Amino acid sequence: MIFRRRSKPTDEQIGSDAVEAAGREHSGRSRGPWDRGETSTDEGDPNYVDLGGLVVRGREGLELRLQVDEQTQTVASVLLAGPQSGLELRAFAAPRHDGLWDDVRADIAAEATKRGGTATEVDGEWGTELKLVVPVQTPDGRKASQASRIVGIDGPRWLLRGTFLGKSAAEQDPAGELEAAFRDVIVVRGDGPMAPRAMLALTMPSSVEIASEHDQGDTD
C-alpha cells in the first residue's frame, strides 16, 4: 500500500531550524531522531504525519509508503521513497539502561553473512553504521544483489532502525533529504512495559490518502 500527503509542504515549512530549536526541550541531544519527550516541534505543523509509534515529517520529493501486513492489517514499517533512494523506518522497545544497537547490528551482520552476503561496519553521522550487500532474486528469476546501509539510534527505552536503500545505501549525504527526514523522526515509546526488541505499534494516519497503483506515478 502507498500513502501520500494530501498537500505538499511549502519551502517556508521545510527545514526551519529556528522552529525546531524553539520547540525542543533540553535533552542533551544535538540532533535527531528525537524521543517524544525531547521535542514538540510537530505540534501544529501540518507536515508531520502521526503514525503512532513514529511521527514522520513530510518533505518535498519524498513519498510516504506504509508496508501493511495483509493478514493482520497492521503497519509493519514506514518507507520514505525518493526518485533514487529510500529510507525504511522501524522502531523497537529497549531496556531502560542498555542500548540494543550493538547486539542488533551483530545479529544483522551474521544473518547477511549466512545468506551469502557481506556486512561492513563504517563510521557515519550517527555512529557505527552497517553496510550490507546480500544476494536476491529478481521477479523474473535472475540473480542480483541488493545494497543497504543501516543506522541504529539507541534512545530512551527504544531503538530506531533506519535502512537507507538505493543511491543512499552507497553514499552518505548529510545534506540530503533522506538524512534530514531521518533527523526529523520522533519516536513515541509510551510508558507501558514492553519486551526488548518488540516493535513499537504503528497506525494508519488519518491525514493521508491511499494512492492506488495507477496513481503512483502521478504528482500532487
N, C-alpha and C. Protein backbone atom coordinates (compact mmCIF):
# COMPACT_ATOMS: atom_id res chain seq x y z
N MET A 1 0.85 -1.19 0.00
CA MET A 1 0.00 0.00 0.00
C MET A 1 0.88 1.24 0.00
N ILE A 2 0.42 2.27 -0.66
CA ILE A 2 1.16 3.52 -0.73
C ILE A 2 0.25 4.64 -0.27
N PHE A 3 0.79 5.51 0.57
CA PHE A 3 0.03 6.63 1.08
C PHE A 3 0.75 7.91 0.72
N ARG A 4 0.00 8.94 0.40
CA ARG A 4 0.59 10.23 0.10
C ARG A 4 -0.01 11.31 0.99
N ARG A 5 0.80 12.34 1.26
CA ARG A 5 0.26 13.51 1.95
C ARG A 5 -0.82 14.15 1.08
N ARG A 6 -1.82 14.74 1.67
CA ARG A 6 -2.84 15.43 0.89
C ARG A 6 -2.30 16.71 0.28
N SER A 7 -1.32 17.32 0.92
CA SER A 7 -0.74 18.53 0.36
C SER A 7 0.75 18.52 0.62
N LYS A 8 1.50 19.13 -0.30
CA LYS A 8 2.95 19.17 -0.15
C LYS A 8 3.35 20.30 0.79
N PRO A 9 4.44 20.09 1.56
CA PRO A 9 4.92 21.18 2.41
C PRO A 9 5.50 22.30 1.57
N THR A 10 5.39 23.50 2.07
CA THR A 10 5.96 24.65 1.37
C THR A 10 7.41 24.81 1.76
N ASP A 11 8.13 25.66 0.98
CA ASP A 11 9.54 25.91 1.29
C ASP A 11 9.70 26.52 2.67
N GLU A 12 8.73 27.36 3.07
CA GLU A 12 8.82 28.01 4.36
C GLU A 12 8.63 27.02 5.50
N GLN A 13 7.89 25.93 5.23
CA GLN A 13 7.59 24.97 6.28
C GLN A 13 8.68 23.92 6.43
N ILE A 14 9.53 23.77 5.41
CA ILE A 14 10.55 22.72 5.42
C ILE A 14 11.86 23.27 5.95
N GLY A 15 12.50 22.51 6.81
CA GLY A 15 13.84 22.82 7.25
C GLY A 15 13.98 24.07 8.08
N SER A 16 12.99 24.43 8.84
CA SER A 16 13.08 25.64 9.65
C SER A 16 13.79 25.31 10.96
N ASP A 17 15.09 25.57 11.00
CA ASP A 17 15.88 25.26 12.20
C ASP A 17 15.42 26.09 13.39
N ALA A 18 14.99 27.30 13.14
CA ALA A 18 14.57 28.16 14.24
C ALA A 18 13.33 27.59 14.91
N VAL A 19 12.38 27.08 14.11
CA VAL A 19 11.17 26.50 14.68
C VAL A 19 11.51 25.25 15.46
N GLU A 20 12.41 24.42 14.93
CA GLU A 20 12.79 23.20 15.62
C GLU A 20 13.42 23.53 16.97
N ALA A 21 14.33 24.50 16.99
CA ALA A 21 15.02 24.85 18.23
C ALA A 21 14.04 25.38 19.26
N ALA A 22 13.04 26.14 18.80
CA ALA A 22 12.08 26.72 19.73
C ALA A 22 11.22 25.66 20.38
N GLY A 23 10.92 24.57 19.66
CA GLY A 23 10.02 23.56 20.19
C GLY A 23 10.71 22.42 20.90
N ARG A 24 12.05 22.42 20.95
CA ARG A 24 12.78 21.30 21.51
C ARG A 24 13.09 21.54 22.97
N GLU A 25 12.86 20.54 23.79
CA GLU A 25 13.20 20.64 25.19
C GLU A 25 14.68 20.32 25.37
N HIS A 26 15.24 20.69 26.52
CA HIS A 26 16.64 20.39 26.80
C HIS A 26 16.78 18.89 27.03
N SER A 27 17.58 18.22 26.17
CA SER A 27 17.67 16.77 26.24
C SER A 27 19.10 16.26 26.20
N GLY A 28 20.07 17.10 25.89
CA GLY A 28 21.42 16.63 25.73
C GLY A 28 21.73 16.18 24.32
N ARG A 29 20.72 16.04 23.47
CA ARG A 29 20.93 15.65 22.08
C ARG A 29 21.18 16.90 21.24
N SER A 30 22.11 16.77 20.30
CA SER A 30 22.39 17.90 19.41
C SER A 30 21.60 17.81 18.12
N ARG A 31 21.09 16.62 17.80
CA ARG A 31 20.31 16.43 16.58
C ARG A 31 19.44 15.19 16.73
N GLY A 32 18.42 15.09 15.87
CA GLY A 32 17.52 13.95 15.90
C GLY A 32 18.14 12.75 15.22
N PRO A 33 17.35 11.66 15.26
CA PRO A 33 15.96 11.48 15.68
C PRO A 33 15.75 11.76 17.17
N TRP A 34 14.47 12.05 17.48
CA TRP A 34 14.12 12.51 18.82
C TRP A 34 13.18 11.54 19.53
N ASP A 35 13.20 11.64 20.84
CA ASP A 35 12.19 10.98 21.67
C ASP A 35 11.01 11.93 21.83
N ARG A 36 9.83 11.36 22.06
CA ARG A 36 8.63 12.18 22.22
C ARG A 36 8.82 13.23 23.32
N GLY A 37 9.55 12.89 24.39
CA GLY A 37 9.74 13.81 25.49
C GLY A 37 10.78 14.87 25.22
N GLU A 38 11.46 14.81 24.08
CA GLU A 38 12.53 15.76 23.79
C GLU A 38 12.12 16.89 22.87
N THR A 39 10.98 16.79 22.23
CA THR A 39 10.61 17.81 21.27
C THR A 39 9.10 17.94 21.14
N SER A 40 8.67 19.14 20.77
CA SER A 40 7.26 19.39 20.47
C SER A 40 7.14 20.12 19.14
N THR A 41 8.17 19.99 18.29
CA THR A 41 8.18 20.73 17.04
C THR A 41 7.06 20.33 16.09
N ASP A 42 6.48 19.15 16.27
CA ASP A 42 5.42 18.69 15.37
C ASP A 42 4.06 19.29 15.70
N GLU A 43 3.92 19.87 16.88
CA GLU A 43 2.61 20.40 17.29
C GLU A 43 2.20 21.56 16.39
N GLY A 44 1.09 21.41 15.74
CA GLY A 44 0.58 22.45 14.86
C GLY A 44 1.25 22.53 13.51
N ASP A 45 2.18 21.60 13.23
CA ASP A 45 2.88 21.59 11.94
C ASP A 45 2.22 20.55 11.04
N PRO A 46 1.54 20.96 9.96
CA PRO A 46 0.82 20.01 9.11
C PRO A 46 1.73 19.10 8.30
N ASN A 47 3.04 19.34 8.32
CA ASN A 47 3.95 18.50 7.56
C ASN A 47 4.24 17.17 8.25
N TYR A 48 3.94 17.09 9.56
CA TYR A 48 4.20 15.87 10.30
C TYR A 48 3.03 14.90 10.16
N VAL A 49 3.36 13.61 10.04
CA VAL A 49 2.35 12.55 9.97
C VAL A 49 2.48 11.68 11.21
N ASP A 50 1.41 11.57 11.98
CA ASP A 50 1.40 10.78 13.21
C ASP A 50 1.08 9.33 12.86
N LEU A 51 2.06 8.44 13.08
CA LEU A 51 1.89 7.02 12.79
C LEU A 51 1.87 6.18 14.06
N GLY A 52 1.56 6.80 15.17
CA GLY A 52 1.54 6.06 16.43
C GLY A 52 2.92 6.01 17.06
N GLY A 53 3.65 4.93 16.84
CA GLY A 53 4.98 4.77 17.40
C GLY A 53 6.02 5.69 16.79
N LEU A 54 5.74 6.22 15.61
CA LEU A 54 6.63 7.15 14.94
C LEU A 54 5.85 8.36 14.45
N VAL A 55 6.48 9.53 14.52
CA VAL A 55 5.94 10.73 13.91
C VAL A 55 6.96 11.17 12.86
N VAL A 56 6.52 11.25 11.61
CA VAL A 56 7.43 11.47 10.49
C VAL A 56 7.07 12.78 9.80
N ARG A 57 8.08 13.53 9.42
CA ARG A 57 7.85 14.82 8.76
C ARG A 57 7.91 14.65 7.25
N GLY A 58 6.88 15.09 6.56
CA GLY A 58 6.86 15.05 5.10
C GLY A 58 7.81 16.07 4.51
N ARG A 59 8.45 15.69 3.40
CA ARG A 59 9.39 16.58 2.73
C ARG A 59 9.15 16.54 1.23
N GLU A 60 9.42 17.66 0.58
CA GLU A 60 9.25 17.77 -0.86
C GLU A 60 10.08 16.69 -1.56
N GLY A 61 9.45 15.96 -2.47
CA GLY A 61 10.16 14.96 -3.25
C GLY A 61 10.21 13.58 -2.62
N LEU A 62 9.67 13.43 -1.41
CA LEU A 62 9.64 12.13 -0.76
C LEU A 62 8.20 11.66 -0.61
N GLU A 63 7.96 10.41 -0.92
CA GLU A 63 6.62 9.82 -0.81
C GLU A 63 6.58 8.89 0.38
N LEU A 64 5.55 9.01 1.17
CA LEU A 64 5.38 8.16 2.35
C LEU A 64 4.66 6.87 1.95
N ARG A 65 5.31 5.75 2.23
CA ARG A 65 4.71 4.45 1.93
C ARG A 65 4.67 3.62 3.21
N LEU A 66 3.58 2.91 3.42
CA LEU A 66 3.43 2.05 4.58
C LEU A 66 3.32 0.60 4.12
N GLN A 67 4.16 -0.25 4.70
CA GLN A 67 4.08 -1.68 4.42
C GLN A 67 3.09 -2.28 5.40
N VAL A 68 2.02 -2.84 4.87
CA VAL A 68 0.93 -3.34 5.70
C VAL A 68 0.85 -4.86 5.62
N ASP A 69 0.77 -5.50 6.77
CA ASP A 69 0.56 -6.94 6.84
C ASP A 69 -0.88 -7.23 6.40
N GLU A 70 -1.03 -7.95 5.29
CA GLU A 70 -2.37 -8.16 4.73
C GLU A 70 -3.27 -9.00 5.64
N GLN A 71 -2.68 -9.88 6.45
CA GLN A 71 -3.49 -10.73 7.32
C GLN A 71 -3.99 -9.98 8.56
N THR A 72 -3.09 -9.22 9.18
CA THR A 72 -3.47 -8.52 10.40
C THR A 72 -3.89 -7.09 10.16
N GLN A 73 -3.62 -6.57 8.94
CA GLN A 73 -3.90 -5.18 8.60
C GLN A 73 -3.20 -4.20 9.53
N THR A 74 -2.02 -4.60 10.02
CA THR A 74 -1.21 -3.72 10.84
C THR A 74 -0.04 -3.20 10.02
N VAL A 75 0.43 -2.02 10.36
CA VAL A 75 1.55 -1.41 9.65
C VAL A 75 2.85 -2.03 10.17
N ALA A 76 3.65 -2.59 9.25
CA ALA A 76 4.89 -3.25 9.64
C ALA A 76 6.08 -2.31 9.59
N SER A 77 6.11 -1.39 8.63
CA SER A 77 7.24 -0.47 8.52
C SER A 77 6.82 0.75 7.73
N VAL A 78 7.66 1.77 7.79
CA VAL A 78 7.44 3.04 7.09
C VAL A 78 8.57 3.21 6.08
N LEU A 79 8.23 3.63 4.87
CA LEU A 79 9.25 3.89 3.86
C LEU A 79 9.06 5.29 3.30
N LEU A 80 10.13 6.07 3.33
CA LEU A 80 10.18 7.35 2.65
C LEU A 80 10.93 7.14 1.35
N ALA A 81 10.25 7.32 0.22
CA ALA A 81 10.81 6.98 -1.08
C ALA A 81 11.05 8.22 -1.91
N GLY A 82 12.27 8.35 -2.43
CA GLY A 82 12.62 9.41 -3.35
C GLY A 82 12.86 8.85 -4.73
N PRO A 83 13.28 9.66 -5.69
CA PRO A 83 13.48 9.19 -7.06
C PRO A 83 14.54 8.10 -7.18
N GLN A 84 15.61 8.18 -6.38
CA GLN A 84 16.70 7.22 -6.50
C GLN A 84 17.06 6.53 -5.19
N SER A 85 16.41 6.91 -4.11
CA SER A 85 16.76 6.37 -2.80
C SER A 85 15.52 6.17 -1.96
N GLY A 86 15.70 5.43 -0.87
CA GLY A 86 14.60 5.21 0.05
C GLY A 86 15.12 5.06 1.47
N LEU A 87 14.25 5.25 2.45
CA LEU A 87 14.58 5.10 3.86
C LEU A 87 13.45 4.35 4.54
N GLU A 88 13.77 3.14 5.04
CA GLU A 88 12.80 2.36 5.78
C GLU A 88 13.00 2.59 7.27
N LEU A 89 11.90 2.77 8.00
CA LEU A 89 11.95 3.07 9.43
C LEU A 89 11.22 1.99 10.22
N ARG A 90 11.89 1.50 11.26
CA ARG A 90 11.28 0.57 12.21
C ARG A 90 11.77 0.96 13.60
N ALA A 91 10.89 0.87 14.60
CA ALA A 91 11.26 1.22 15.97
C ALA A 91 10.91 0.06 16.91
N PHE A 92 11.77 -0.15 17.90
CA PHE A 92 11.64 -1.29 18.81
C PHE A 92 11.81 -0.83 20.25
N ALA A 93 11.21 -1.57 21.16
CA ALA A 93 11.40 -1.31 22.58
C ALA A 93 12.78 -1.80 23.00
N ALA A 94 13.35 -1.12 24.00
CA ALA A 94 14.67 -1.47 24.50
C ALA A 94 14.68 -1.40 26.02
N PRO A 95 15.67 -2.04 26.67
CA PRO A 95 15.76 -1.94 28.12
C PRO A 95 15.99 -0.51 28.58
N ARG A 96 15.71 -0.26 29.83
CA ARG A 96 15.79 1.10 30.35
C ARG A 96 17.22 1.64 30.34
N HIS A 97 18.20 0.78 30.65
CA HIS A 97 19.56 1.26 30.83
C HIS A 97 20.55 0.77 29.78
N ASP A 98 20.18 -0.19 28.96
CA ASP A 98 21.11 -0.75 27.99
C ASP A 98 20.60 -0.53 26.57
N GLY A 99 21.48 -0.10 25.68
CA GLY A 99 21.12 0.04 24.28
C GLY A 99 21.13 -1.30 23.58
N LEU A 100 20.44 -1.34 22.43
CA LEU A 100 20.33 -2.58 21.67
C LEU A 100 21.16 -2.60 20.39
N TRP A 101 21.60 -1.42 19.91
CA TRP A 101 22.15 -1.35 18.57
C TRP A 101 23.37 -2.24 18.36
N ASP A 102 24.26 -2.33 19.34
CA ASP A 102 25.45 -3.17 19.18
C ASP A 102 25.06 -4.63 18.94
N ASP A 103 24.14 -5.14 19.74
CA ASP A 103 23.72 -6.54 19.59
C ASP A 103 22.93 -6.75 18.31
N VAL A 104 22.01 -5.82 18.01
CA VAL A 104 21.20 -5.96 16.80
C VAL A 104 22.07 -5.88 15.56
N ARG A 105 23.04 -4.99 15.57
CA ARG A 105 23.96 -4.85 14.43
C ARG A 105 24.71 -6.16 14.18
N ALA A 106 25.16 -6.79 15.26
CA ALA A 106 25.87 -8.07 15.12
C ALA A 106 24.94 -9.15 14.56
N ASP A 107 23.69 -9.15 15.00
CA ASP A 107 22.73 -10.14 14.50
C ASP A 107 22.45 -9.94 13.01
N ILE A 108 22.28 -8.67 12.61
CA ILE A 108 22.02 -8.38 11.20
C ILE A 108 23.20 -8.80 10.33
N ALA A 109 24.42 -8.52 10.80
CA ALA A 109 25.62 -8.88 10.05
C ALA A 109 25.74 -10.39 9.91
N ALA A 110 25.44 -11.11 10.99
CA ALA A 110 25.52 -12.57 10.95
C ALA A 110 24.50 -13.15 9.98
N GLU A 111 23.30 -12.59 9.96
CA GLU A 111 22.27 -13.08 9.05
C GLU A 111 22.64 -12.81 7.60
N ALA A 112 23.21 -11.63 7.33
CA ALA A 112 23.64 -11.31 5.97
C ALA A 112 24.73 -12.26 5.50
N THR A 113 25.67 -12.55 6.36
CA THR A 113 26.75 -13.48 6.01
C THR A 113 26.20 -14.89 5.77
N LYS A 114 25.24 -15.28 6.60
CA LYS A 114 24.62 -16.59 6.44
C LYS A 114 23.93 -16.73 5.09
N ARG A 115 23.41 -15.65 4.57
CA ARG A 115 22.72 -15.65 3.27
C ARG A 115 23.69 -15.52 2.11
N GLY A 116 24.99 -15.47 2.38
CA GLY A 116 25.97 -15.36 1.32
C GLY A 116 26.34 -13.94 0.95
N GLY A 117 25.97 -12.99 1.81
CA GLY A 117 26.27 -11.59 1.54
C GLY A 117 27.45 -11.10 2.35
N THR A 118 27.63 -9.79 2.36
CA THR A 118 28.70 -9.16 3.12
C THR A 118 28.13 -8.09 4.03
N ALA A 119 28.82 -7.86 5.14
CA ALA A 119 28.42 -6.84 6.10
C ALA A 119 29.67 -6.10 6.55
N THR A 120 29.67 -4.78 6.41
CA THR A 120 30.84 -3.97 6.74
C THR A 120 30.42 -2.83 7.66
N GLU A 121 31.13 -2.68 8.78
CA GLU A 121 30.86 -1.58 9.67
C GLU A 121 31.62 -0.33 9.22
N VAL A 122 30.93 0.81 9.22
CA VAL A 122 31.53 2.08 8.82
C VAL A 122 31.09 3.15 9.82
N ASP A 123 31.88 4.21 9.93
CA ASP A 123 31.53 5.34 10.78
C ASP A 123 30.65 6.31 10.00
N GLY A 124 29.61 6.80 10.65
CA GLY A 124 28.70 7.74 10.00
C GLY A 124 28.26 8.82 10.95
N GLU A 125 27.30 9.61 10.52
CA GLU A 125 26.81 10.73 11.32
C GLU A 125 26.27 10.29 12.67
N TRP A 126 25.65 9.12 12.71
CA TRP A 126 25.02 8.63 13.93
C TRP A 126 25.84 7.52 14.60
N GLY A 127 27.12 7.45 14.32
CA GLY A 127 27.94 6.42 14.94
C GLY A 127 28.23 5.28 13.97
N THR A 128 28.32 4.06 14.51
CA THR A 128 28.64 2.91 13.69
C THR A 128 27.44 2.48 12.85
N GLU A 129 27.63 2.48 11.56
CA GLU A 129 26.60 2.03 10.63
C GLU A 129 26.99 0.68 10.04
N LEU A 130 26.06 0.04 9.38
CA LEU A 130 26.30 -1.27 8.78
C LEU A 130 25.93 -1.21 7.31
N LYS A 131 26.90 -1.52 6.45
CA LYS A 131 26.64 -1.58 5.01
C LYS A 131 26.54 -3.05 4.59
N LEU A 132 25.42 -3.39 3.99
CA LEU A 132 25.15 -4.77 3.59
C LEU A 132 25.06 -4.89 2.07
N VAL A 133 25.51 -6.02 1.57
CA VAL A 133 25.26 -6.43 0.19
C VAL A 133 24.84 -7.89 0.25
N VAL A 134 23.59 -8.17 -0.11
CA VAL A 134 23.06 -9.53 0.01
C VAL A 134 22.50 -9.98 -1.34
N PRO A 135 22.59 -11.27 -1.62
CA PRO A 135 22.05 -11.78 -2.88
C PRO A 135 20.53 -11.82 -2.83
N VAL A 136 19.90 -11.48 -3.96
CA VAL A 136 18.44 -11.52 -4.08
C VAL A 136 18.09 -12.10 -5.44
N GLN A 137 16.83 -12.43 -5.58
CA GLN A 137 16.33 -12.93 -6.86
C GLN A 137 15.30 -11.96 -7.40
N THR A 138 15.49 -11.55 -8.65
CA THR A 138 14.58 -10.59 -9.26
C THR A 138 13.25 -11.28 -9.60
N PRO A 139 12.19 -10.50 -9.84
CA PRO A 139 10.90 -11.11 -10.17
C PRO A 139 10.94 -12.03 -11.37
N ASP A 140 11.87 -11.80 -12.29
CA ASP A 140 11.95 -12.69 -13.46
C ASP A 140 12.93 -13.84 -13.26
N GLY A 141 13.38 -14.04 -12.01
CA GLY A 141 14.19 -15.21 -11.69
C GLY A 141 15.69 -15.02 -11.78
N ARG A 142 16.15 -13.84 -12.14
CA ARG A 142 17.60 -13.62 -12.25
C ARG A 142 18.21 -13.37 -10.87
N LYS A 143 19.50 -13.70 -10.75
CA LYS A 143 20.22 -13.45 -9.52
C LYS A 143 20.79 -12.03 -9.55
N ALA A 144 20.68 -11.36 -8.42
CA ALA A 144 21.19 -10.00 -8.31
C ALA A 144 21.64 -9.77 -6.87
N SER A 145 22.08 -8.57 -6.58
CA SER A 145 22.48 -8.22 -5.22
C SER A 145 21.79 -6.91 -4.82
N GLN A 146 21.55 -6.78 -3.54
CA GLN A 146 20.90 -5.58 -3.02
C GLN A 146 21.76 -4.98 -1.93
N ALA A 147 22.03 -3.69 -2.06
CA ALA A 147 22.84 -2.98 -1.07
C ALA A 147 21.94 -2.17 -0.15
N SER A 148 22.34 -2.06 1.10
CA SER A 148 21.63 -1.22 2.06
C SER A 148 22.62 -0.70 3.08
N ARG A 149 22.24 0.39 3.71
CA ARG A 149 23.05 1.00 4.78
C ARG A 149 22.13 1.19 5.98
N ILE A 150 22.48 0.56 7.10
CA ILE A 150 21.58 0.54 8.25
C ILE A 150 22.17 1.34 9.38
N VAL A 151 21.34 2.23 9.91
CA VAL A 151 21.71 3.11 11.02
C VAL A 151 20.85 2.75 12.22
N GLY A 152 21.45 2.70 13.40
CA GLY A 152 20.70 2.42 14.62
C GLY A 152 20.86 3.53 15.63
N ILE A 153 19.75 3.97 16.21
CA ILE A 153 19.75 5.02 17.22
C ILE A 153 19.20 4.45 18.52
N ASP A 154 20.04 4.42 19.56
CA ASP A 154 19.58 4.00 20.88
C ASP A 154 19.02 5.21 21.62
N GLY A 155 17.70 5.22 21.82
CA GLY A 155 17.05 6.30 22.55
C GLY A 155 16.59 5.84 23.91
N PRO A 156 15.81 6.65 24.60
CA PRO A 156 15.28 6.28 25.92
C PRO A 156 14.30 5.11 25.82
N ARG A 157 14.77 3.93 26.07
CA ARG A 157 13.96 2.70 26.08
C ARG A 157 13.46 2.33 24.68
N TRP A 158 14.17 2.77 23.64
CA TRP A 158 13.81 2.38 22.29
C TRP A 158 15.03 2.33 21.39
N LEU A 159 14.88 1.60 20.30
CA LEU A 159 15.87 1.56 19.22
C LEU A 159 15.16 1.91 17.93
N LEU A 160 15.68 2.90 17.23
CA LEU A 160 15.17 3.25 15.91
C LEU A 160 16.15 2.75 14.87
N ARG A 161 15.64 1.97 13.93
CA ARG A 161 16.50 1.44 12.86
C ARG A 161 16.09 2.07 11.54
N GLY A 162 17.06 2.73 10.91
CA GLY A 162 16.83 3.33 9.60
C GLY A 162 17.64 2.60 8.55
N THR A 163 16.99 2.11 7.51
CA THR A 163 17.67 1.38 6.44
C THR A 163 17.62 2.22 5.17
N PHE A 164 18.78 2.70 4.74
CA PHE A 164 18.89 3.51 3.54
C PHE A 164 19.07 2.59 2.33
N LEU A 165 18.30 2.83 1.29
CA LEU A 165 18.27 1.97 0.11
C LEU A 165 18.58 2.78 -1.14
N GLY A 166 18.90 2.08 -2.22
CA GLY A 166 19.17 2.76 -3.48
C GLY A 166 20.48 3.53 -3.42
N LYS A 167 20.49 4.71 -4.02
CA LYS A 167 21.70 5.52 -4.07
C LYS A 167 22.21 5.86 -2.68
N SER A 168 21.31 6.09 -1.73
CA SER A 168 21.73 6.47 -0.38
C SER A 168 22.36 5.32 0.39
N ALA A 169 22.24 4.09 -0.11
CA ALA A 169 22.88 2.95 0.53
C ALA A 169 24.39 3.00 0.34
N ALA A 170 24.82 3.53 -0.79
CA ALA A 170 26.25 3.56 -1.10
C ALA A 170 26.92 4.86 -0.72
N GLU A 171 26.15 5.95 -0.67
CA GLU A 171 26.74 7.26 -0.44
C GLU A 171 26.07 7.96 0.74
N GLN A 172 26.86 8.30 1.74
CA GLN A 172 26.34 9.13 2.82
C GLN A 172 26.18 10.56 2.31
N ASP A 173 25.06 11.16 2.63
CA ASP A 173 24.79 12.51 2.17
C ASP A 173 24.16 13.31 3.32
N PRO A 174 25.01 13.85 4.22
CA PRO A 174 24.47 14.56 5.38
C PRO A 174 23.53 15.70 5.03
N ALA A 175 23.69 16.29 3.83
CA ALA A 175 22.83 17.39 3.43
C ALA A 175 21.62 16.92 2.63
N GLY A 176 21.47 15.62 2.46
CA GLY A 176 20.40 15.08 1.63
C GLY A 176 19.05 15.08 2.32
N GLU A 177 17.99 14.93 1.51
CA GLU A 177 16.62 14.95 2.03
C GLU A 177 16.34 13.76 2.95
N LEU A 178 16.86 12.57 2.62
CA LEU A 178 16.57 11.40 3.45
C LEU A 178 17.24 11.51 4.81
N GLU A 179 18.49 11.98 4.84
CA GLU A 179 19.15 12.17 6.13
C GLU A 179 18.42 13.23 6.96
N ALA A 180 17.97 14.30 6.29
CA ALA A 180 17.20 15.32 7.00
C ALA A 180 15.89 14.75 7.54
N ALA A 181 15.24 13.92 6.74
CA ALA A 181 14.00 13.30 7.18
C ALA A 181 14.23 12.38 8.37
N PHE A 182 15.37 11.68 8.38
CA PHE A 182 15.70 10.81 9.50
C PHE A 182 15.91 11.62 10.78
N ARG A 183 16.56 12.77 10.67
CA ARG A 183 16.77 13.63 11.85
C ARG A 183 15.45 14.15 12.41
N ASP A 184 14.44 14.27 11.55
CA ASP A 184 13.14 14.82 11.97
C ASP A 184 12.26 13.79 12.69
N VAL A 185 12.59 12.51 12.59
CA VAL A 185 11.72 11.46 13.14
C VAL A 185 11.60 11.60 14.66
N ILE A 186 10.37 11.43 15.15
CA ILE A 186 10.08 11.44 16.58
C ILE A 186 9.57 10.05 16.97
N VAL A 187 10.20 9.45 17.97
CA VAL A 187 9.81 8.11 18.43
C VAL A 187 8.90 8.25 19.64
N VAL A 188 7.76 7.58 19.60
CA VAL A 188 6.79 7.62 20.69
C VAL A 188 6.76 6.25 21.35
N ARG A 189 7.57 6.06 22.35
CA ARG A 189 7.71 4.76 23.02
C ARG A 189 6.53 4.46 23.93
N GLY A 190 6.02 5.46 24.60
CA GLY A 190 4.97 5.23 25.59
C GLY A 190 5.58 4.76 26.91
N ASP A 191 4.76 4.70 27.94
CA ASP A 191 5.25 4.36 29.28
C ASP A 191 5.00 2.91 29.67
N GLY A 192 4.22 2.18 28.91
CA GLY A 192 3.86 0.82 29.27
C GLY A 192 5.02 -0.15 29.13
N PRO A 193 4.95 -1.29 29.84
CA PRO A 193 6.01 -2.30 29.75
C PRO A 193 5.99 -2.98 28.37
N MET A 194 7.16 -3.22 27.83
CA MET A 194 7.30 -3.91 26.55
C MET A 194 8.55 -4.78 26.60
N ALA A 195 8.48 -5.92 25.96
CA ALA A 195 9.65 -6.79 25.89
C ALA A 195 10.70 -6.16 24.98
N PRO A 196 11.98 -6.25 25.34
CA PRO A 196 13.03 -5.73 24.46
C PRO A 196 12.93 -6.33 23.06
N ARG A 197 13.09 -5.51 22.06
CA ARG A 197 13.03 -5.84 20.64
C ARG A 197 11.60 -5.98 20.11
N ALA A 198 10.60 -5.79 20.97
CA ALA A 198 9.23 -5.77 20.47
C ALA A 198 9.04 -4.50 19.64
N MET A 199 8.40 -4.62 18.48
CA MET A 199 8.26 -3.47 17.61
C MET A 199 7.20 -2.51 18.14
N LEU A 200 7.50 -1.22 18.10
CA LEU A 200 6.50 -0.23 18.51
C LEU A 200 5.36 -0.23 17.50
N ALA A 201 4.15 -0.19 18.00
CA ALA A 201 2.97 -0.27 17.14
C ALA A 201 2.86 0.95 16.25
N LEU A 202 2.61 0.72 14.97
CA LEU A 202 2.38 1.78 14.01
C LEU A 202 0.92 1.76 13.58
N THR A 203 0.36 2.91 13.32
CA THR A 203 -1.05 3.01 12.97
C THR A 203 -1.23 3.76 11.66
N MET A 204 -2.37 3.51 11.04
CA MET A 204 -2.73 4.23 9.82
C MET A 204 -2.98 5.70 10.14
N PRO A 205 -2.37 6.62 9.43
CA PRO A 205 -2.62 8.03 9.69
C PRO A 205 -3.95 8.48 9.09
N SER A 206 -4.56 9.46 9.72
CA SER A 206 -5.82 9.98 9.21
C SER A 206 -5.61 11.13 8.24
N SER A 207 -4.37 11.65 8.16
CA SER A 207 -4.12 12.85 7.37
C SER A 207 -3.57 12.56 5.99
N VAL A 208 -3.65 11.29 5.55
CA VAL A 208 -3.14 10.95 4.23
C VAL A 208 -4.21 10.16 3.49
N GLU A 209 -4.05 10.08 2.20
CA GLU A 209 -4.99 9.33 1.39
C GLU A 209 -4.28 8.17 0.71
N ILE A 210 -5.01 7.08 0.48
CA ILE A 210 -4.43 5.92 -0.16
C ILE A 210 -4.34 6.19 -1.66
N ALA A 211 -3.17 5.88 -2.23
CA ALA A 211 -2.97 6.03 -3.67
C ALA A 211 -3.00 4.65 -4.32
N SER A 212 -3.85 4.45 -5.29
CA SER A 212 -3.91 3.17 -5.98
C SER A 212 -2.71 3.03 -6.89
N GLU A 213 -2.48 1.80 -7.43
CA GLU A 213 -1.29 1.53 -8.22
C GLU A 213 -1.20 2.44 -9.44
N HIS A 214 -2.31 2.73 -10.09
CA HIS A 214 -2.24 3.54 -11.30
C HIS A 214 -2.01 5.00 -10.99
N ASP A 215 -2.09 5.37 -9.69
CA ASP A 215 -1.82 6.75 -9.30
C ASP A 215 -0.38 6.98 -8.88
N GLN A 216 0.42 5.90 -8.75
CA GLN A 216 1.73 6.02 -8.12
C GLN A 216 2.67 6.92 -8.88
N GLY A 217 2.50 7.05 -10.16
CA GLY A 217 3.39 7.90 -10.92
C GLY A 217 2.92 9.34 -11.01
N ASP A 218 1.76 9.65 -10.43
CA ASP A 218 1.21 10.99 -10.52
C ASP A 218 1.90 11.91 -9.55
N THR A 219 1.83 13.19 -9.79
CA THR A 219 2.31 14.18 -8.86
C THR A 219 1.14 14.99 -8.36
N ASP A 220 1.25 15.41 -7.10
CA ASP A 220 0.14 16.17 -6.48
C ASP A 220 0.24 17.63 -6.86
